[in-house]
Amino acid sequence: MKMIDKVMEVLQKQGLLPQREEFGIIFKYQMLNFLYLFEENDENYFSMYMPYIFEVDDENIDDVLKAINIVNNEMKVLKLVVNDDNVWCCFEEKLTENTDLEEIVSYAVVSLFQAKINFFKRLKEV
């Protein structure tokens, strides 16, 4: 079974109502958009994102980068990046053969959600 099919199955099992697209899977958690991107050339690469959480412009870029840096230093496995003038929360990991995918998916979803909360908290502080 391909990784995308396994992830789809886990998300359905967790009641998250995923939708399969050409590029991967989209779903919502706590009314927020999430994205699983499928890597055809690397079945063991797991990448899940919470895209477009905050728009970046010339006026806020310094504060955004400061907040991103703080969150990136505080959290494990996650990283926040500026992509297409927007902040994205990213969870990327190389999985082993014995990885518990249900555990990874649950951890990724909750961690991405927490990263968003932390980003907005830190953005208010900078």
PDB file of N, CA and C in Angstrom:
ATOM      1  N   MET A   1       0.856  -1.182   0.000  1.00  0.00           N
ATOM      2  CA  MET A   1       0.000   0.000   0.000  1.00  0.00           C
ATOM      3  C   MET A   1       0.899   1.241   0.000  1.00  0.00           C
ATOM      4  N   LYS A   2       0.572   2.209  -0.837  1.00  0.00           N
ATOM      5  CA  LYS A   2       1.353   3.442  -0.909  1.00  0.00           C
ATOM      6  C   LYS A   2       1.124   4.304   0.332  1.00  0.00           C
ATOM      7  N   MET A   3       2.111   5.147   0.635  1.00  0.00           N
ATOM      8  CA  MET A   3       2.036   6.007   1.810  1.00  0.00           C
ATOM      9  C   MET A   3       0.780   6.885   1.779  1.00  0.00           C
ATOM     10  N   ILE A   4       0.441   7.442   0.623  1.00  0.00           N
ATOM     11  CA  ILE A   4      -0.723   8.329   0.541  1.00  0.00           C
ATOM     12  C   ILE A   4      -1.996   7.570   0.918  1.00  0.00           C
ATOM     13  N   ASP A   5      -2.094   6.311   0.520  1.00  0.00           N
ATOM     14  CA  ASP A   5      -3.268   5.503   0.873  1.00  0.00           C
ATOM     15  C   ASP A   5      -3.302   5.211   2.370  1.00  0.00           C
ATOM     16  N   LYS A   6      -2.132   4.963   2.945  1.00  0.00           N
ATOM     17  CA  LYS A   6      -2.053   4.718   4.391  1.00  0.00           C
ATOM     18  C   LYS A   6      -2.450   5.969   5.173  1.00  0.00           C
ATOM     19  N   VAL A   7      -1.952   7.120   4.737  1.00  0.00           N
ATOM     20  CA  VAL A   7      -2.282   8.380   5.418  1.00  0.00           C
ATOM     21  C   VAL A   7      -3.770   8.665   5.285  1.00  0.00           C
ATOM     22  N   MET A   8      -4.315   8.447   4.109  1.00  0.00           N
ATOM     23  CA  MET A   8      -5.752   8.648   3.885  1.00  0.00           C
ATOM     24  C   MET A   8      -6.566   7.776   4.845  1.00  0.00           C
ATOM     25  N   GLU A   9      -6.165   6.537   4.976  1.00  0.00           N
ATOM     26  CA  GLU A   9      -6.845   5.591   5.863  1.00  0.00           C
ATOM     27  C   GLU A   9      -6.779   6.051   7.322  1.00  0.00           C
ATOM     28  N   VAL A  10      -5.610   6.495   7.764  1.00  0.00           N
ATOM     29  CA  VAL A  10      -5.441   6.961   9.147  1.00  0.00           C
ATOM     30  C   VAL A  10      -6.300   8.193   9.396  1.00  0.00           C
ATOM     31  N   LEU A  11      -6.295   9.140   8.473  1.00  0.00           N
ATOM     32  CA  LEU A  11      -7.097  10.356   8.641  1.00  0.00           C
ATOM     33  C   LEU A  11      -8.586  10.035   8.707  1.00  0.00           C
ATOM     34  N   GLN A  12      -9.037   9.107   7.876  1.00  0.00           N
ATOM     35  CA  GLN A  12     -10.440   8.692   7.903  1.00  0.00           C
ATOM     36  C   GLN A  12     -10.771   8.033   9.236  1.00  0.00           C
ATOM     37  N   LYS A  13      -9.866   7.190   9.699  1.00  0.00           N
ATOM     38  CA  LYS A  13     -10.045   6.495  10.973  1.00  0.00           C
ATOM     39  C   LYS A  13     -10.160   7.494  12.131  1.00  0.00           C
ATOM     40  N   GLN A  14      -9.443   8.620  12.004  1.00  0.00           N
ATOM     41  CA  GLN A  14      -9.473   9.641  13.047  1.00  0.00           C
ATOM     42  C   GLN A  14     -10.636  10.623  12.860  1.00  0.00           C
ATOM     43  N   GLY A  15     -11.468  10.389  11.848  1.00  0.00           N
ATOM     44  CA  GLY A  15     -12.665  11.194  11.642  1.00  0.00           C
ATOM     45  C   GLY A  15     -12.408  12.574  11.063  1.00  0.00           C
ATOM     46  N   LEU A  16     -11.323  12.742  10.308  1.00  0.00           N
ATOM     47  CA  LEU A  16     -10.955  14.072   9.816  1.00  0.00           C
ATOM     48  C   LEU A  16     -11.464  14.390   8.407  1.00  0.00           C
ATOM     49  N   LEU A  17     -12.188  13.494   7.761  1.00  0.00           N
ATOM     50  CA  LEU A  17     -12.815  13.711   6.451  1.00  0.00           C
ATOM     51  C   LEU A  17     -11.845  14.223   5.381  1.00  0.00           C
ATOM     52  N   PRO A  18     -10.789  13.471   5.114  1.00  0.00           N
ATOM     53  CA  PRO A  18      -9.815  13.901   4.109  1.00  0.00           C
ATOM     54  C   PRO A  18     -10.349  13.796   2.692  1.00  0.00           C
ATOM     55  N   GLN A  19      -9.808  14.632   1.815  1.00  0.00           N
ATOM     56  CA  GLN A  19     -10.141  14.588   0.395  1.00  0.00           C
ATOM     57  C   GLN A  19      -8.847  14.406  -0.379  1.00  0.00           C
ATOM     58  N   ARG A  20      -8.829  13.442  -1.264  1.00  0.00           N
ATOM     59  CA  ARG A  20      -7.625  13.175  -2.053  1.00  0.00           C
ATOM     60  C   ARG A  20      -7.595  14.087  -3.275  1.00  0.00           C
ATOM     61  N   GLU A  21      -6.427  14.639  -3.531  1.00  0.00           N
ATOM     62  CA  GLU A  21      -6.190  15.520  -4.680  1.00  0.00           C
ATOM     63  C   GLU A  21      -4.999  14.982  -5.455  1.00  0.00           C
ATOM     64  N   GLU A  22      -4.692  15.572  -6.602  1.00  0.00           N
ATOM     65  CA  GLU A  22      -3.552  15.137  -7.420  1.00  0.00           C
ATOM     66  C   GLU A  22      -2.238  15.197  -6.647  1.00  0.00           C
ATOM     67  N   PHE A  23      -2.087  16.203  -5.818  1.00  0.00           N
ATOM     68  CA  PHE A  23      -0.828  16.473  -5.115  1.00  0.00           C
ATOM     69  C   PHE A  23      -0.744  15.797  -3.754  1.00  0.00           C
ATOM     70  N   GLY A  24      -1.859  15.309  -3.244  1.00  0.00           N
ATOM     71  CA  GLY A  24      -1.862  14.721  -1.916  1.00  0.00           C
ATOM     72  C   GLY A  24      -3.253  14.679  -1.317  1.00  0.00           C
ATOM     73  N   ILE A  25      -3.345  15.131  -0.070  1.00  0.00           N
ATOM     74  CA  ILE A  25      -4.607  15.076   0.685  1.00  0.00           C
ATOM     75  C   ILE A  25      -4.845  16.420   1.363  1.00  0.00           C
ATOM     76  N   ILE A  26      -6.093  16.875   1.351  1.00  0.00           N
ATOM     77  CA  ILE A  26      -6.475  18.051   2.129  1.00  0.00           C
ATOM     78  C   ILE A  26      -7.521  17.626   3.159  1.00  0.00           C
ATOM     79  N   PHE A  27      -7.487  18.286   4.314  1.00  0.00           N
ATOM     80  CA  PHE A  27      -8.480  18.012   5.356  1.00  0.00           C
ATOM     81  C   PHE A  27      -8.506  19.189   6.320  1.00  0.00           C
ATOM     82  N   LYS A  28      -9.499  19.189   7.174  1.00  0.00           N
ATOM     83  CA  LYS A  28      -9.627  20.237   8.180  1.00  0.00           C
ATOM     84  C   LYS A  28      -9.524  19.626   9.574  1.00  0.00           C
ATOM     85  N   TYR A  29      -8.937  20.411  10.479  1.00  0.00           N
ATOM     86  CA  TYR A  29      -8.879  20.075  11.895  1.00  0.00           C
ATOM     87  C   TYR A  29      -9.088  21.383  12.643  1.00  0.00           C
ATOM     88  N   GLN A  30     -10.019  21.401  13.567  1.00  0.00           N
ATOM     89  CA  GLN A  30     -10.341  22.623  14.318  1.00  0.00           C
ATOM     90  C   GLN A  30     -10.631  23.790  13.351  1.00  0.00           C
ATOM     91  N   MET A  31     -11.327  23.496  12.265  1.00  0.00           N
ATOM     92  CA  MET A  31     -11.750  24.479  11.254  1.00  0.00           C
ATOM     93  C   MET A  31     -10.572  25.092  10.485  1.00  0.00           C
ATOM     94  N   LEU A  32      -9.402  24.483  10.538  1.00  0.00           N
ATOM     95  CA  LEU A  32      -8.217  24.976   9.836  1.00  0.00           C
ATOM     96  C   LEU A  32      -7.819  23.987   8.745  1.00  0.00           C
ATOM     97  N   ASN A  33      -7.256  24.514   7.672  1.00  0.00           N
ATOM     98  CA  ASN A  33      -6.861  23.695   6.534  1.00  0.00           C
ATOM     99  C   ASN A  33      -5.502  23.033   6.762  1.00  0.00           C
ATOM    100  N   PHE A  34      -5.437  21.763   6.413  1.00  0.00           N
ATOM    101  CA  PHE A  34      -4.210  20.983   6.480  1.00  0.00           C
ATOM    102  C   PHE A  34      -3.972  20.329   5.126  1.00  0.00           C
ATOM    103  N   LEU A  35      -2.718  19.990   4.904  1.00  0.00           N
ATOM    104  CA  LEU A  35      -2.316  19.458   3.623  1.00  0.00           C
ATOM    105  C   LEU A  35      -1.261  18.377   3.826  1.00  0.00           C
ATOM    106  N   TYR A  36      -1.490  17.221   3.232  1.00  0.00           N
ATOM    107  CA  TYR A  36      -0.469  16.177   3.186  1.00  0.00           C
ATOM    108  C   TYR A  36      -0.001  16.107   1.743  1.00  0.00           C
ATOM    109  N   LEU A  37       1.289  16.316   1.521  1.00  0.00           N
ATOM    110  CA  LEU A  37       1.842  16.238   0.172  1.00  0.00           C
ATOM    111  C   LEU A  37       2.521  14.894  -0.023  1.00  0.00           C
ATOM    112  N   PHE A  38       2.191  14.241  -1.119  1.00  0.00           N
ATOM    113  CA  PHE A  38       2.728  12.929  -1.433  1.00  0.00           C
ATOM    114  C   PHE A  38       4.010  13.066  -2.237  1.00  0.00           C
ATOM    115  N   GLU A  39       5.034  12.383  -1.802  1.00  0.00           N
ATOM    116  CA  GLU A  39       6.331  12.394  -2.483  1.00  0.00           C
ATOM    117  C   GLU A  39       6.487  11.066  -3.230  1.00  0.00           C
ATOM    118  N   GLU A  40       6.230  11.084  -4.543  1.00  0.00           N
ATOM    119  CA  GLU A  40       6.259   9.858  -5.342  1.00  0.00           C
ATOM    120  C   GLU A  40       7.603   9.156  -5.316  1.00  0.00           C
ATOM    121  N   ASN A  41       8.683   9.918  -5.301  1.00  0.00           N
ATOM    122  CA  ASN A  41      10.017   9.342  -5.385  1.00  0.00           C
ATOM    123  C   ASN A  41      10.569   8.878  -4.049  1.00  0.00           C
ATOM    124  N   ASP A  42       9.838   9.121  -2.969  1.00  0.00           N
ATOM    125  CA  ASP A  42      10.319   8.739  -1.639  1.00  0.00           C
ATOM    126  C   ASP A  42       9.134   8.362  -0.764  1.00  0.00           C
ATOM    127  N   GLU A  43       8.787   7.101  -0.785  1.00  0.00           N
ATOM    128  CA  GLU A  43       7.631   6.594  -0.047  1.00  0.00           C
ATOM    129  C   GLU A  43       7.761   6.768   1.472  1.00  0.00           C
ATOM    130  N   ASN A  44       8.973   6.914   1.973  1.00  0.00           N
ATOM    131  CA  ASN A  44       9.173   7.023   3.412  1.00  0.00           C
ATOM    132  C   ASN A  44       9.238   8.458   3.910  1.00  0.00           C
ATOM    133  N   TYR A  45       9.034   9.401   3.001  1.00  0.00           N
ATOM    134  CA  TYR A  45       9.067  10.811   3.387  1.00  0.00           C
ATOM    135  C   TYR A  45       7.650  11.260   3.714  1.00  0.00           C
ATOM    136  N   PHE A  46       7.459  11.744   4.933  1.00  0.00           N
ATOM    137  CA  PHE A  46       6.142  12.186   5.399  1.00  0.00           C
ATOM    138  C   PHE A  46       6.167  13.702   5.538  1.00  0.00           C
ATOM    139  N   SER A  47       5.256  14.373   4.858  1.00  0.00           N
ATOM    140  CA  SER A  47       5.206  15.837   4.949  1.00  0.00           C
ATOM    141  C   SER A  47       3.766  16.313   5.054  1.00  0.00           C
ATOM    142  N   MET A  48       3.492  17.014   6.146  1.00  0.00           N
ATOM    143  CA  MET A  48       2.160  17.556   6.397  1.00  0.00           C
ATOM    144  C   MET A  48       2.320  19.038   6.717  1.00  0.00           C
ATOM    145  N   TYR A  49       1.359  19.839   6.277  1.00  0.00           N
ATOM    146  CA  TYR A  49       1.470  21.288   6.411  1.00  0.00           C
ATOM    147  C   TYR A  49       0.146  21.916   6.834  1.00  0.00           C
ATOM    148  N   MET A  50       0.279  23.055   7.478  1.00  0.00           N
ATOM    149  CA  MET A  50      -0.843  23.958   7.683  1.00  0.00           C
ATOM    150  C   MET A  50      -0.450  25.217   6.897  1.00  0.00           C
ATOM    151  N   PRO A  51      -0.973  25.341   5.670  1.00  0.00           N
ATOM    152  CA  PRO A  51      -0.533  26.431   4.794  1.00  0.00           C
ATOM    153  C   PRO A  51      -1.290  27.731   5.049  1.00  0.00           C
ATOM    154  N   TYR A  52      -0.675  28.812   4.618  1.00  0.00           N
ATOM    155  CA  TYR A  52      -1.321  30.134   4.571  1.00  0.00           C
ATOM    156  C   TYR A  52      -1.928  30.567   5.902  1.00  0.00           C
ATOM    157  N   ILE A  53      -1.151  30.496   6.972  1.00  0.00           N
ATOM    158  CA  ILE A  53      -1.724  30.886   8.268  1.00  0.00           C
ATOM    159  C   ILE A  53      -1.618  32.384   8.518  1.00  0.00           C
ATOM    160  N   PHE A  54      -0.719  33.063   7.779  1.00  0.00           N
ATOM    161  CA  PHE A  54      -0.550  34.499   7.999  1.00  0.00           C
ATOM    162  C   PHE A  54       0.099  35.114   6.766  1.00  0.00           C
ATOM    163  N   GLU A  55      -0.468  36.209   6.295  1.00  0.00           N
ATOM    164  CA  GLU A  55       0.072  36.887   5.118  1.00  0.00           C
ATOM    165  C   GLU A  55       1.240  37.794   5.505  1.00  0.00           C
ATOM    166  N   VAL A  56       2.303  37.719   4.713  1.00  0.00           N
ATOM    167  CA  VAL A  56       3.523  38.481   4.970  1.00  0.00           C
ATOM    168  C   VAL A  56       3.647  39.589   3.937  1.00  0.00           C
ATOM    169  N   ASP A  57       4.013  40.788   4.435  1.00  0.00           N
ATOM    170  CA  ASP A  57       4.252  41.912   3.524  1.00  0.00           C
ATOM    171  C   ASP A  57       5.487  42.674   3.991  1.00  0.00           C
ATOM    172  N   ASP A  58       5.827  43.735   3.287  1.00  0.00           N
ATOM    173  CA  ASP A  58       7.024  44.514   3.621  1.00  0.00           C
ATOM    174  C   ASP A  58       6.961  45.128   5.016  1.00  0.00           C
ATOM    175  N   GLU A  59       5.769  45.417   5.493  1.00  0.00           N
ATOM    176  CA  GLU A  59       5.620  46.070   6.795  1.00  0.00           C
ATOM    177  C   GLU A  59       5.765  45.109   7.973  1.00  0.00           C
ATOM    178  N   ASN A  60       5.411  43.844   7.773  1.00  0.00           N
ATOM    179  CA  ASN A  60       5.444  42.925   8.919  1.00  0.00           C
ATOM    180  C   ASN A  60       6.538  41.850   8.825  1.00  0.00           C
ATOM    181  N   ILE A  61       7.312  41.843   7.759  1.00  0.00           N
ATOM    182  CA  ILE A  61       8.274  40.770   7.536  1.00  0.00           C
ATOM    183  C   ILE A  61       9.271  40.605   8.690  1.00  0.00           C
ATOM    184  N   ASP A  62       9.769  41.692   9.246  1.00  0.00           N
ATOM    185  CA  ASP A  62      10.743  41.581  10.348  1.00  0.00           C
ATOM    186  C   ASP A  62      10.131  40.899  11.564  1.00  0.00           C
ATOM    187  N   ASP A  63       8.938  41.335  11.955  1.00  0.00           N
ATOM    188  CA  ASP A  63       8.270  40.722  13.109  1.00  0.00           C
ATOM    189  C   ASP A  63       7.921  39.262  12.834  1.00  0.00           C
ATOM    190  N   VAL A  64       7.478  38.973  11.624  1.00  0.00           N
ATOM    191  CA  VAL A  64       7.133  37.600  11.247  1.00  0.00           C
ATOM    192  C   VAL A  64       8.362  36.700  11.362  1.00  0.00           C
ATOM    193  N   LEU A  65       9.481  37.136  10.819  1.00  0.00           N
ATOM    194  CA  LEU A  65      10.690  36.320  10.869  1.00  0.00           C
ATOM    195  C   LEU A  65      11.197  36.121  12.297  1.00  0.00           C
ATOM    196  N   LYS A  66      11.051  37.146  13.129  1.00  0.00           N
ATOM    197  CA  LYS A  66      11.432  36.999  14.539  1.00  0.00           C
ATOM    198  C   LYS A  66      10.553  35.964  15.231  1.00  0.00           C
ATOM    199  N   ALA A  67       9.255  36.047  15.006  1.00  0.00           N
ATOM    200  CA  ALA A  67       8.314  35.097  15.618  1.00  0.00           C
ATOM    201  C   ALA A  67       8.573  33.679  15.113  1.00  0.00           C
ATOM    202  N   ILE A  68       8.810  33.540  13.813  1.00  0.00           N
ATOM    203  CA  ILE A  68       9.112  32.230  13.234  1.00  0.00           C
ATOM    204  C   ILE A  68      10.365  31.640  13.870  1.00  0.00           C
ATOM    205  N   ASN A  69      11.381  32.451  14.012  1.00  0.00           N
ATOM    206  CA  ASN A  69      12.639  31.971  14.589  1.00  0.00           C
ATOM    207  C   ASN A  69      12.440  31.475  16.021  1.00  0.00           C
ATOM    208  N   ILE A  70      11.674  32.207  16.800  1.00  0.00           N
ATOM    209  CA  ILE A  70      11.413  31.790  18.186  1.00  0.00           C
ATOM    210  C   ILE A  70      10.693  30.443  18.209  1.00  0.00           C
ATOM    211  N   VAL A  71       9.642  30.307  17.404  1.00  0.00           N
ATOM    212  CA  VAL A  71       8.872  29.059  17.376  1.00  0.00           C
ATOM    213  C   VAL A  71       9.738  27.908  16.872  1.00  0.00           C
ATOM    214  N   ASN A  72      10.525  28.146  15.826  1.00  0.00           N
ATOM    215  CA  ASN A  72      11.392  27.091  15.294  1.00  0.00           C
ATOM    216  C   ASN A  72      12.406  26.609  16.329  1.00  0.00           C
ATOM    217  N   ASN A  73      12.859  27.508  17.184  1.00  0.00           N
ATOM    218  CA  ASN A  73      13.800  27.119  18.234  1.00  0.00           C
ATOM    219  C   ASN A  73      13.117  26.398  19.389  1.00  0.00           C
ATOM    220  N   GLU A  74      11.848  26.656  19.604  1.00  0.00           N
ATOM    221  CA  GLU A  74      11.110  26.066  20.725  1.00  0.00           C
ATOM    222  C   GLU A  74      10.541  24.681  20.429  1.00  0.00           C
ATOM    223  N   MET A  75      10.142  24.442  19.192  1.00  0.00           N
ATOM    224  CA  MET A  75       9.409  23.215  18.871  1.00  0.00           C
ATOM    225  C   MET A  75      10.300  22.201  18.156  1.00  0.00           C
ATOM    226  N   LYS A  76      10.016  20.941  18.399  1.00  0.00           N
ATOM    227  CA  LYS A  76      10.753  19.855  17.761  1.00  0.00           C
ATOM    228  C   LYS A  76      10.001  19.372  16.529  1.00  0.00           C
ATOM    229  N   VAL A  77      10.739  18.946  15.531  1.00  0.00           N
ATOM    230  CA  VAL A  77      10.256  18.350  14.284  1.00  0.00           C
ATOM    231  C   VAL A  77       9.530  19.350  13.381  1.00  0.00           C
ATOM    232  N   LEU A  78       9.015  20.416  13.923  1.00  0.00           N
ATOM    233  CA  LEU A  78       8.268  21.403  13.155  1.00  0.00           C
ATOM    234  C   LEU A  78       9.155  22.529  12.701  1.00  0.00           C
ATOM    235  N   LYS A  79       8.729  23.166  11.637  1.00  0.00           N
ATOM    236  CA  LYS A  79       9.366  24.415  11.239  1.00  0.00           C
ATOM    237  C   LYS A  79       8.305  25.296  10.605  1.00  0.00           C
ATOM    238  N   LEU A  80       8.464  26.580  10.807  1.00  0.00           N
ATOM    239  CA  LEU A  80       7.619  27.567  10.150  1.00  0.00           C
ATOM    240  C   LEU A  80       8.460  28.227   9.078  1.00  0.00           C
ATOM    241  N   VAL A  81       7.853  28.487   7.933  1.00  0.00           N
ATOM    242  CA  VAL A  81       8.557  29.102   6.813  1.00  0.00           C
ATOM    243  C   VAL A  81       7.655  30.130   6.149  1.00  0.00           C
ATOM    244  N   VAL A  82       8.295  31.045   5.413  1.00  0.00           N
ATOM    245  CA  VAL A  82       7.539  31.966   4.569  1.00  0.00           C
ATOM    246  C   VAL A  82       7.563  31.371   3.167  1.00  0.00           C
ATOM    247  N   ASN A  83       6.383  31.126   2.627  1.00  0.00           N
ATOM    248  CA  ASN A  83       6.217  30.520   1.315  1.00  0.00           C
ATOM    249  C   ASN A  83       5.119  31.281   0.575  1.00  0.00           C
ATOM    250  N   ASP A  84       5.432  31.822  -0.590  1.00  0.00           N
ATOM    251  CA  ASP A  84       4.447  32.591  -1.365  1.00  0.00           C
ATOM    252  C   ASP A  84       3.842  33.736  -0.553  1.00  0.00           C
ATOM    253  N   ASP A  85       4.677  34.457   0.166  1.00  0.00           N
ATOM    254  CA  ASP A  85       4.247  35.593   0.993  1.00  0.00           C
ATOM    255  C   ASP A  85       3.237  35.210   2.074  1.00  0.00           C
ATOM    256  N   ASN A  86       3.342  33.990   2.548  1.00  0.00           N
ATOM    257  CA  ASN A  86       2.499  33.504   3.633  1.00  0.00           C
ATOM    258  C   ASN A  86       3.321  32.617   4.545  1.00  0.00           C
ATOM    259  N   VAL A  87       2.950  32.589   5.817  1.00  0.00           N
ATOM    260  CA  VAL A  87       3.589  31.677   6.768  1.00  0.00           C
ATOM    261  C   VAL A  87       2.916  30.318   6.660  1.00  0.00           C
ATOM    262  N   TRP A  88       3.739  29.302   6.591  1.00  0.00           N
ATOM    263  CA  TRP A  88       3.280  27.914   6.592  1.00  0.00           C
ATOM    264  C   TRP A  88       3.881  27.220   7.812  1.00  0.00           C
ATOM    265  N   CYS A  89       3.112  26.330   8.427  1.00  0.00           N
ATOM    266  CA  CYS A  89       3.629  25.429   9.454  1.00  0.00           C
ATOM    267  C   CYS A  89       3.908  24.098   8.759  1.00  0.00           C
ATOM    268  N   CYS A  90       5.098  23.546   9.012  1.00  0.00           N
ATOM    269  CA  CYS A  90       5.541  22.348   8.294  1.00  0.00           C
ATOM    270  C   CYS A  90       5.971  21.244   9.257  1.00  0.00           C
ATOM    271  N   PHE A  91       5.562  20.035   8.948  1.00  0.00           N
ATOM    272  CA  PHE A  91       5.995  18.844   9.681  1.00  0.00           C
ATOM    273  C   PHE A  91       6.546  17.888   8.640  1.00  0.00           C
ATOM    274  N   GLU A  92       7.841  17.613   8.719  1.00  0.00           N
ATOM    275  CA  GLU A  92       8.472  16.736   7.745  1.00  0.00           C
ATOM    276  C   GLU A  92       9.352  15.735   8.478  1.00  0.00           C
ATOM    277  N   GLU A  93       9.250  14.475   8.060  1.00  0.00           N
ATOM    278  CA  GLU A  93      10.021  13.440   8.743  1.00  0.00           C
ATOM    279  C   GLU A  93      10.247  12.265   7.797  1.00  0.00           C
ATOM    280  N   LYS A  94      11.413  11.690   7.896  1.00  0.00           N
ATOM    281  CA  LYS A  94      11.734  10.461   7.177  1.00  0.00           C
ATOM    282  C   LYS A  94      11.305   9.306   8.068  1.00  0.00           C
ATOM    283  N   LEU A  95      10.385   8.481   7.585  1.00  0.00           N
ATOM    284  CA  LEU A  95       9.851   7.385   8.390  1.00  0.00           C
ATOM    285  C   LEU A  95      10.639   6.103   8.163  1.00  0.00           C
ATOM    286  N   THR A  96      10.686   5.293   9.195  1.00  0.00           N
ATOM    287  CA  THR A  96      11.315   3.984   9.078  1.00  0.00           C
ATOM    288  C   THR A  96      10.239   2.944   8.772  1.00  0.00           C
ATOM    289  N   GLU A  97      10.667   1.768   8.492  1.00  0.00           N
ATOM    290  CA  GLU A  97       9.744   0.683   8.152  1.00  0.00           C
ATOM    291  C   GLU A  97       8.781   0.363   9.300  1.00  0.00           C
ATOM    292  N   ASN A  98       9.238   0.529  10.525  1.00  0.00           N
ATOM    293  CA  ASN A  98       8.430   0.167  11.698  1.00  0.00           C
ATOM    294  C   ASN A  98       7.693   1.339  12.329  1.00  0.00           C
ATOM    295  N   THR A  99       7.634   2.464  11.661  1.00  0.00           N
ATOM    296  CA  THR A  99       6.983   3.648  12.217  1.00  0.00           C
ATOM    297  C   THR A  99       5.488   3.413  12.384  1.00  0.00           C
ATOM    298  N   ASP A 100       4.974   3.828  13.527  1.00  0.00           N
ATOM    299  CA  ASP A 100       3.533   3.776  13.780  1.00  0.00           C
ATOM    300  C   ASP A 100       2.903   5.004  13.124  1.00  0.00           C
ATOM    301  N   LEU A 101       2.325   4.814  11.942  1.00  0.00           N
ATOM    302  CA  LEU A 101       1.797   5.932  11.163  1.00  0.00           C
ATOM    303  C   LEU A 101       0.650   6.648  11.872  1.00  0.00           C
ATOM    304  N   GLU A 102      -0.173   5.913  12.592  1.00  0.00           N
ATOM    305  CA  GLU A 102      -1.272   6.550  13.333  1.00  0.00           C
ATOM    306  C   GLU A 102      -0.722   7.536  14.357  1.00  0.00           C
ATOM    307  N   GLU A 103       0.327   7.136  15.022  1.00  0.00           N
ATOM    308  CA  GLU A 103       0.957   8.009  16.019  1.00  0.00           C
ATOM    309  C   GLU A 103       1.574   9.242  15.349  1.00  0.00           C
ATOM    310  N   ILE A 104       2.256   9.047  14.222  1.00  0.00           N
ATOM    311  CA  ILE A 104       2.891  10.165  13.511  1.00  0.00           C
ATOM    312  C   ILE A 104       1.846  11.146  13.005  1.00  0.00           C
ATOM    313  N   VAL A 105       0.777  10.646  12.408  1.00  0.00           N
ATOM    314  CA  VAL A 105      -0.274  11.532  11.883  1.00  0.00           C
ATOM    315  C   VAL A 105      -0.900  12.326  13.017  1.00  0.00           C
ATOM    316  N   SER A 106      -1.240  11.675  14.102  1.00  0.00           N
ATOM    317  CA  SER A 106      -1.832  12.379  15.260  1.00  0.00           C
ATOM    318  C   SER A 106      -0.885  13.442  15.792  1.00  0.00           C
ATOM    319  N   TYR A 107       0.379  13.067  15.952  1.00  0.00           N
ATOM    320  CA  TYR A 107       1.377  14.007  16.456  1.00  0.00           C
ATOM    321  C   TYR A 107       1.554  15.181  15.503  1.00  0.00           C
ATOM    322  N   ALA A 108       1.584  14.910  14.203  1.00  0.00           N
ATOM    323  CA  ALA A 108       1.759  15.966  13.201  1.00  0.00           C
ATOM    324  C   ALA A 108       0.606  16.957  13.246  1.00  0.00           C
ATOM    325  N   VAL A 109      -0.610  16.471  13.266  1.00  0.00           N
ATOM    326  CA  VAL A 109      -1.786  17.345  13.261  1.00  0.00           C
ATOM    327  C   VAL A 109      -1.798  18.237  14.499  1.00  0.00           C
ATOM    328  N   VAL A 110      -1.630  17.644  15.657  1.00  0.00           N
ATOM    329  CA  VAL A 110      -1.653  18.409  16.906  1.00  0.00           C
ATOM    330  C   VAL A 110      -0.473  19.375  16.976  1.00  0.00           C
ATOM    331  N   SER A 111       0.689  18.948  16.545  1.00  0.00           N
ATOM    332  CA  SER A 111       1.879  19.802  16.577  1.00  0.00           C
ATOM    333  C   SER A 111       1.749  20.985  15.621  1.00  0.00           C
ATOM    334  N   LEU A 112       1.207  20.759  14.441  1.00  0.00           N
ATOM    335  CA  LEU A 112       0.988  21.856  13.497  1.00  0.00           C
ATOM    336  C   LEU A 112       0.007  22.871  14.076  1.00  0.00           C
ATOM    337  N   PHE A 113      -1.045  22.369  14.690  1.00  0.00           N
ATOM    338  CA  PHE A 113      -2.029  23.245  15.327  1.00  0.00           C
ATOM    339  C   PHE A 113      -1.374  24.066  16.438  1.00  0.00           C
ATOM    340  N   GLN A 114      -0.548  23.416  17.242  1.00  0.00           N
ATOM    341  CA  GLN A 114       0.148  24.110  18.329  1.00  0.00           C
ATOM    342  C   GLN A 114       1.151  25.123  17.790  1.00  0.00           C
ATOM    343  N   ALA A 115       1.804  24.810  16.689  1.00  0.00           N
ATOM    344  CA  ALA A 115       2.763  25.736  16.076  1.00  0.00           C
ATOM    345  C   ALA A 115       2.072  27.022  15.641  1.00  0.00           C
ATOM    346  N   LYS A 116       0.876  26.890  15.106  1.00  0.00           N
ATOM    347  CA  LYS A 116       0.107  28.074  14.700  1.00  0.00           C
ATOM    348  C   LYS A 116      -0.210  28.945  15.917  1.00  0.00           C
ATOM    349  N   ILE A 117      -0.669  28.318  16.981  1.00  0.00           N
ATOM    350  CA  ILE A 117      -0.977  29.049  18.213  1.00  0.00           C
ATOM    351  C   ILE A 117       0.275  29.745  18.734  1.00  0.00           C
ATOM    352  N   ASN A 118       1.397  29.021  18.764  1.00  0.00           N
ATOM    353  CA  ASN A 118       2.656  29.591  19.248  1.00  0.00           C
ATOM    354  C   ASN A 118       3.118  30.751  18.372  1.00  0.00           C
ATOM    355  N   PHE A 119       2.940  30.626  17.066  1.00  0.00           N
ATOM    356  CA  PHE A 119       3.351  31.697  16.162  1.00  0.00           C
ATOM    357  C   PHE A 119       2.600  32.992  16.477  1.00  0.00           C
ATOM    358  N   PHE A 120       1.293  32.913  16.616  1.00  0.00           N
ATOM    359  CA  PHE A 120       0.514  34.117  16.889  1.00  0.00           C
ATOM    360  C   PHE A 120       0.820  34.691  18.258  1.00  0.00           C
ATOM    361  N   LYS A 121       1.091  33.828  19.221  1.00  0.00           N
ATOM    362  CA  LYS A 121       1.493  34.286  20.544  1.00  0.00           C
ATOM    363  C   LYS A 121       2.814  35.057  20.464  1.00  0.00           C
ATOM    364  N   ARG A 122       3.793  34.482  19.784  1.00  0.00           N
ATOM    365  CA  ARG A 122       5.103  35.124  19.660  1.00  0.00           C
ATOM    366  C   ARG A 122       5.043  36.388  18.804  1.00  0.00           C
ATOM    367  N   LEU A 123       4.200  36.402  17.804  1.00  0.00           N
ATOM    368  CA  LEU A 123       4.058  37.573  16.950  1.00  0.00           C
ATOM    369  C   LEU A 123       3.554  38.781  17.759  1.00  0.00           C
ATOM    370  N   LYS A 124       2.686  38.526  18.730  1.00  0.00           N
ATOM    371  CA  LYS A 124       2.198  39.615  19.591  1.00  0.00           C
ATOM    372  C   LYS A 124       3.299  40.141  20.510  1.00  0.00           C
ATOM    373  N   GLU A 125       4.267  39.289  20.824  1.00  0.00           N
ATOM    374  CA  GLU A 125       5.311  39.650  21.774  1.00  0.00           C
ATOM    375  C   GLU A 125       6.496  40.387  21.143  1.00  0.00           C
ATOM    376  N   VAL A 126       6.710  40.228  19.848  1.00  0.00           N
ATOM    377  CA  VAL A 126       7.885  40.851  19.225  1.00  0.00           C
ATOM    378  C   VAL A 126       7.657  42.313  18.875  1.00  0.00           C
TER     379      VAL A 126
END
